[in-house]
């Protein structure tokens, strides 16, 4: 397993054609960069860096899921009191804090 920084993936993605920022494109860029580049550090499952990355990734996923739950609860409460808001507000486009 190798580690590629987000900045490196972002910079490399400009060289690949395709629509904007999608999960499929990011996965392709990461896989292609891992295949082509020789300067990437190897991670072993017991490495401290690998453990830290796994912890940070899990924490980020928890934060994202909590944000989604908060948004859905707020949207449900608003729509319970003001059903017309769904037509006026686009509640699917909530700015991310993270």
N, C-alpha and C. Protein backbone atom coordinates (compact mmCIF):
# COMPACT_ATOMS: atom_id res chain seq x y z
N UNK A 1 0.86 -1.16 0.00
CA UNK A 1 0.00 0.00 0.00
C UNK A 1 0.91 1.23 0.00
N UNK A 2 0.52 2.23 -0.78
CA UNK A 2 1.27 3.48 -0.83
C UNK A 2 0.36 4.63 -0.43
N UNK A 3 0.99 5.74 -0.05
CA UNK A 3 0.24 6.91 0.37
C UNK A 3 0.49 8.05 -0.61
N UNK A 4 -0.58 8.63 -1.10
CA UNK A 4 -0.51 9.78 -2.00
C UNK A 4 -1.27 10.91 -1.33
N UNK A 5 -0.65 12.07 -1.20
CA UNK A 5 -1.30 13.20 -0.54
C UNK A 5 -2.46 13.71 -1.38
N UNK A 6 -3.39 14.36 -0.73
CA UNK A 6 -4.53 14.95 -1.44
C UNK A 6 -4.09 16.02 -2.43
N UNK A 7 -3.07 16.78 -2.05
CA UNK A 7 -2.54 17.82 -2.95
C UNK A 7 -1.96 17.20 -4.21
N UNK A 8 -1.24 16.09 -4.06
CA UNK A 8 -0.66 15.42 -5.22
C UNK A 8 -1.75 14.88 -6.15
N UNK A 9 -2.81 14.34 -5.57
CA UNK A 9 -3.93 13.83 -6.38
C UNK A 9 -4.62 14.98 -7.09
N UNK A 10 -4.82 16.09 -6.39
CA UNK A 10 -5.48 17.26 -6.99
C UNK A 10 -4.66 17.79 -8.16
N UNK A 11 -3.36 17.91 -7.97
CA UNK A 11 -2.51 18.42 -9.05
C UNK A 11 -2.46 17.44 -10.22
N UNK A 12 -2.42 16.16 -9.94
CA UNK A 12 -2.37 15.17 -11.00
C UNK A 12 -3.69 15.09 -11.76
N UNK A 13 -4.80 15.35 -11.09
CA UNK A 13 -6.12 15.22 -11.73
C UNK A 13 -6.32 16.24 -12.85
N UNK A 14 -5.57 17.33 -12.83
CA UNK A 14 -5.71 18.31 -13.91
C UNK A 14 -5.21 17.77 -15.24
N UNK A 15 -4.36 16.75 -15.19
CA UNK A 15 -3.82 16.17 -16.42
C UNK A 15 -4.75 15.13 -17.04
N UNK A 16 -5.79 14.76 -16.32
CA UNK A 16 -6.71 13.73 -16.81
C UNK A 16 -7.99 14.38 -17.31
N UNK A 17 -8.47 13.89 -18.41
CA UNK A 17 -9.72 14.42 -18.95
C UNK A 17 -10.89 13.82 -18.20
N UNK A 18 -12.00 14.50 -18.25
CA UNK A 18 -13.21 13.99 -17.61
C UNK A 18 -13.95 15.11 -16.92
N UNK A 19 -15.12 14.76 -16.45
CA UNK A 19 -15.95 15.76 -15.80
C UNK A 19 -15.46 16.03 -14.39
N UNK A 20 -15.29 17.28 -14.10
CA UNK A 20 -14.99 17.82 -12.78
C UNK A 20 -14.45 16.87 -11.76
N UNK A 21 -15.07 16.90 -10.60
CA UNK A 21 -14.58 16.16 -9.44
C UNK A 21 -15.59 15.05 -9.12
N UNK A 22 -15.26 13.85 -9.53
CA UNK A 22 -16.12 12.71 -9.23
C UNK A 22 -15.32 11.65 -8.50
N UNK A 23 -16.00 10.78 -7.79
CA UNK A 23 -15.32 9.69 -7.08
C UNK A 23 -14.62 8.76 -8.05
N UNK A 24 -15.26 8.49 -9.19
CA UNK A 24 -14.67 7.59 -10.17
C UNK A 24 -13.38 8.17 -10.73
N UNK A 25 -13.39 9.47 -11.03
CA UNK A 25 -12.19 10.11 -11.55
C UNK A 25 -11.08 10.11 -10.50
N UNK A 26 -11.42 10.43 -9.27
CA UNK A 26 -10.42 10.45 -8.20
C UNK A 26 -9.82 9.06 -8.00
N UNK A 27 -10.64 8.04 -8.02
CA UNK A 27 -10.14 6.67 -7.86
C UNK A 27 -9.21 6.30 -9.00
N UNK A 28 -9.56 6.70 -10.22
CA UNK A 28 -8.71 6.42 -11.37
C UNK A 28 -7.38 7.14 -11.25
N UNK A 29 -7.42 8.42 -10.87
CA UNK A 29 -6.19 9.21 -10.74
C UNK A 29 -5.29 8.60 -9.67
N UNK A 30 -5.86 8.24 -8.53
CA UNK A 30 -5.08 7.65 -7.44
C UNK A 30 -4.43 6.34 -7.88
N UNK A 31 -5.22 5.48 -8.51
CA UNK A 31 -4.69 4.19 -8.95
C UNK A 31 -3.61 4.37 -10.01
N UNK A 32 -3.83 5.28 -10.94
CA UNK A 32 -2.86 5.51 -12.00
C UNK A 32 -1.57 6.11 -11.45
N UNK A 33 -1.70 7.06 -10.53
CA UNK A 33 -0.51 7.65 -9.93
C UNK A 33 0.27 6.63 -9.10
N UNK A 34 -0.43 5.78 -8.36
CA UNK A 34 0.23 4.75 -7.57
C UNK A 34 0.97 3.77 -8.46
N UNK A 35 0.43 3.52 -9.64
CA UNK A 35 1.06 2.60 -10.58
C UNK A 35 2.29 3.22 -11.22
N UNK A 36 2.21 4.50 -11.60
CA UNK A 36 3.27 5.14 -12.37
C UNK A 36 4.41 5.70 -11.51
N UNK A 37 4.11 6.26 -10.37
CA UNK A 37 5.13 6.96 -9.59
C UNK A 37 5.98 6.00 -8.77
N UNK A 38 7.26 6.30 -8.70
CA UNK A 38 8.19 5.48 -7.94
C UNK A 38 8.61 6.16 -6.64
N UNK A 39 8.21 7.42 -6.44
CA UNK A 39 8.66 8.18 -5.27
C UNK A 39 7.69 8.13 -4.09
N UNK A 40 6.70 7.26 -4.15
CA UNK A 40 5.71 7.18 -3.07
C UNK A 40 6.19 6.25 -1.97
N UNK A 41 5.93 6.65 -0.74
CA UNK A 41 6.33 5.83 0.40
C UNK A 41 5.39 4.66 0.61
N UNK A 42 5.96 3.54 0.96
CA UNK A 42 5.16 2.35 1.23
C UNK A 42 4.63 2.39 2.65
N UNK A 43 3.40 1.93 2.82
CA UNK A 43 2.79 1.82 4.16
C UNK A 43 2.56 0.35 4.46
N UNK A 44 2.94 -0.04 5.63
CA UNK A 44 2.66 -1.39 6.08
C UNK A 44 1.53 -1.32 7.11
N UNK A 45 0.79 -2.39 7.25
CA UNK A 45 -0.41 -2.35 8.09
C UNK A 45 -0.13 -1.97 9.53
N UNK A 46 1.06 -2.25 10.06
CA UNK A 46 1.36 -1.92 11.44
C UNK A 46 2.06 -0.60 11.62
N UNK A 47 2.37 0.09 10.53
CA UNK A 47 3.07 1.37 10.62
C UNK A 47 2.25 2.39 11.39
N UNK A 48 2.95 3.23 12.12
CA UNK A 48 2.27 4.28 12.88
C UNK A 48 1.52 5.23 11.95
N UNK A 49 2.10 5.53 10.82
CA UNK A 49 1.46 6.43 9.86
C UNK A 49 0.17 5.80 9.35
N UNK A 50 0.21 4.51 9.03
CA UNK A 50 -0.99 3.82 8.54
C UNK A 50 -2.09 3.83 9.60
N UNK A 51 -1.72 3.61 10.84
CA UNK A 51 -2.70 3.62 11.93
C UNK A 51 -3.30 5.02 12.09
N UNK A 52 -2.43 6.05 12.04
CA UNK A 52 -2.92 7.43 12.15
C UNK A 52 -3.84 7.78 11.00
N UNK A 53 -3.47 7.37 9.79
CA UNK A 53 -4.33 7.65 8.63
C UNK A 53 -5.68 6.96 8.76
N UNK A 54 -5.66 5.74 9.24
CA UNK A 54 -6.92 5.00 9.42
C UNK A 54 -7.80 5.70 10.47
N UNK A 55 -7.17 6.17 11.54
CA UNK A 55 -7.90 6.88 12.59
C UNK A 55 -8.49 8.18 12.06
N UNK A 56 -7.68 8.95 11.34
CA UNK A 56 -8.16 10.23 10.79
C UNK A 56 -9.27 10.02 9.76
N UNK A 57 -9.12 8.99 8.95
CA UNK A 57 -10.15 8.70 7.95
C UNK A 57 -11.46 8.31 8.62
N UNK A 58 -11.37 7.50 9.65
CA UNK A 58 -12.58 7.10 10.39
C UNK A 58 -13.22 8.31 11.05
N UNK A 59 -12.41 9.19 11.61
CA UNK A 59 -12.93 10.41 12.27
C UNK A 59 -13.63 11.31 11.25
N UNK A 60 -13.01 11.47 10.09
CA UNK A 60 -13.61 12.29 9.04
C UNK A 60 -14.94 11.71 8.59
N UNK A 61 -14.99 10.39 8.44
CA UNK A 61 -16.24 9.74 8.06
C UNK A 61 -17.32 9.95 9.11
N UNK A 62 -16.94 9.87 10.38
CA UNK A 62 -17.90 10.14 11.46
C UNK A 62 -18.43 11.57 11.39
N UNK A 63 -17.54 12.53 11.14
CA UNK A 63 -17.96 13.93 11.04
C UNK A 63 -18.89 14.16 9.86
N UNK A 64 -18.57 13.55 8.73
CA UNK A 64 -19.42 13.69 7.54
C UNK A 64 -20.80 13.09 7.80
N UNK A 65 -20.83 11.91 8.39
CA UNK A 65 -22.12 11.27 8.67
C UNK A 65 -22.94 12.07 9.68
N UNK A 66 -22.29 12.63 10.69
CA UNK A 66 -23.00 13.45 11.66
C UNK A 66 -23.56 14.71 11.01
N UNK A 67 -22.79 15.31 10.12
CA UNK A 67 -23.25 16.51 9.39
C UNK A 67 -24.48 16.17 8.54
N UNK A 68 -24.47 15.03 7.90
CA UNK A 68 -25.62 14.61 7.09
C UNK A 68 -26.84 14.40 7.99
N UNK A 69 -26.64 13.76 9.15
CA UNK A 69 -27.76 13.55 10.08
C UNK A 69 -28.33 14.88 10.56
N UNK A 70 -27.44 15.83 10.90
CA UNK A 70 -27.90 17.15 11.34
C UNK A 70 -28.69 17.86 10.25
N UNK A 71 -28.20 17.81 9.05
CA UNK A 71 -28.88 18.46 7.93
C UNK A 71 -30.25 17.83 7.70
N UNK A 72 -30.32 16.53 7.75
CA UNK A 72 -31.60 15.85 7.53
C UNK A 72 -32.60 16.15 8.65
N UNK A 73 -32.10 16.19 9.90
CA UNK A 73 -33.00 16.54 11.01
C UNK A 73 -33.52 17.97 10.88
N UNK A 74 -32.64 18.90 10.56
CA UNK A 74 -33.04 20.29 10.40
C UNK A 74 -34.04 20.44 9.25
N UNK A 75 -33.76 19.77 8.15
CA UNK A 75 -34.66 19.83 7.00
C UNK A 75 -36.04 19.27 7.36
N UNK A 76 -36.08 18.16 8.07
CA UNK A 76 -37.36 17.55 8.48
C UNK A 76 -38.14 18.48 9.40
N UNK A 77 -37.44 19.13 10.34
CA UNK A 77 -38.13 20.05 11.24
C UNK A 77 -38.66 21.27 10.49
N UNK A 78 -37.85 21.83 9.60
CA UNK A 78 -38.31 23.00 8.84
C UNK A 78 -39.51 22.66 7.98
N UNK A 79 -39.46 21.51 7.34
CA UNK A 79 -40.56 21.13 6.46
C UNK A 79 -41.82 20.77 7.24
N UNK A 80 -41.67 20.32 8.47
CA UNK A 80 -42.84 20.02 9.30
C UNK A 80 -43.61 21.30 9.61
N UNK A 81 -42.87 22.40 9.83
CA UNK A 81 -43.52 23.67 10.16
C UNK A 81 -43.85 24.50 8.93
N UNK A 82 -43.01 24.43 7.93
CA UNK A 82 -43.17 25.25 6.73
C UNK A 82 -43.01 24.40 5.47
N UNK A 83 -44.05 23.67 5.07
CA UNK A 83 -43.94 22.78 3.91
C UNK A 83 -43.60 23.53 2.61
N UNK A 84 -43.97 24.79 2.52
CA UNK A 84 -43.69 25.55 1.29
C UNK A 84 -42.20 25.85 1.12
N UNK A 85 -41.42 25.71 2.17
CA UNK A 85 -39.98 25.97 2.07
C UNK A 85 -39.29 25.03 1.09
N UNK A 86 -39.82 23.83 0.95
CA UNK A 86 -39.17 22.87 0.05
C UNK A 86 -39.16 23.38 -1.38
N UNK A 87 -40.19 24.12 -1.75
CA UNK A 87 -40.24 24.68 -3.11
C UNK A 87 -39.32 25.87 -3.24
N UNK A 88 -39.12 26.62 -2.17
CA UNK A 88 -38.36 27.87 -2.23
C UNK A 88 -36.87 27.64 -2.01
N UNK A 89 -36.54 26.83 -1.02
CA UNK A 89 -35.14 26.61 -0.67
C UNK A 89 -34.62 25.32 -1.27
N UNK A 90 -33.37 25.36 -1.70
CA UNK A 90 -32.71 24.15 -2.16
C UNK A 90 -31.88 23.64 -0.99
N UNK A 91 -32.48 22.82 -0.13
CA UNK A 91 -31.81 22.36 1.08
C UNK A 91 -30.79 21.28 0.80
N UNK A 92 -30.70 20.79 -0.42
CA UNK A 92 -29.69 19.77 -0.75
C UNK A 92 -28.32 20.38 -0.88
N UNK A 93 -28.24 21.68 -1.14
CA UNK A 93 -26.94 22.35 -1.31
C UNK A 93 -26.59 23.10 -0.03
N UNK A 94 -26.09 22.37 0.95
CA UNK A 94 -25.67 22.95 2.21
C UNK A 94 -24.16 23.09 2.17
N UNK A 95 -23.65 24.25 2.53
CA UNK A 95 -22.20 24.47 2.52
C UNK A 95 -21.55 23.63 3.60
N UNK A 96 -20.48 23.00 3.24
CA UNK A 96 -19.75 22.16 4.18
C UNK A 96 -18.82 23.00 5.04
N UNK A 97 -18.71 22.62 6.28
CA UNK A 97 -17.82 23.34 7.18
C UNK A 97 -16.43 22.74 7.19
N UNK A 98 -16.29 21.52 6.72
CA UNK A 98 -15.00 20.80 6.83
C UNK A 98 -14.35 20.59 5.50
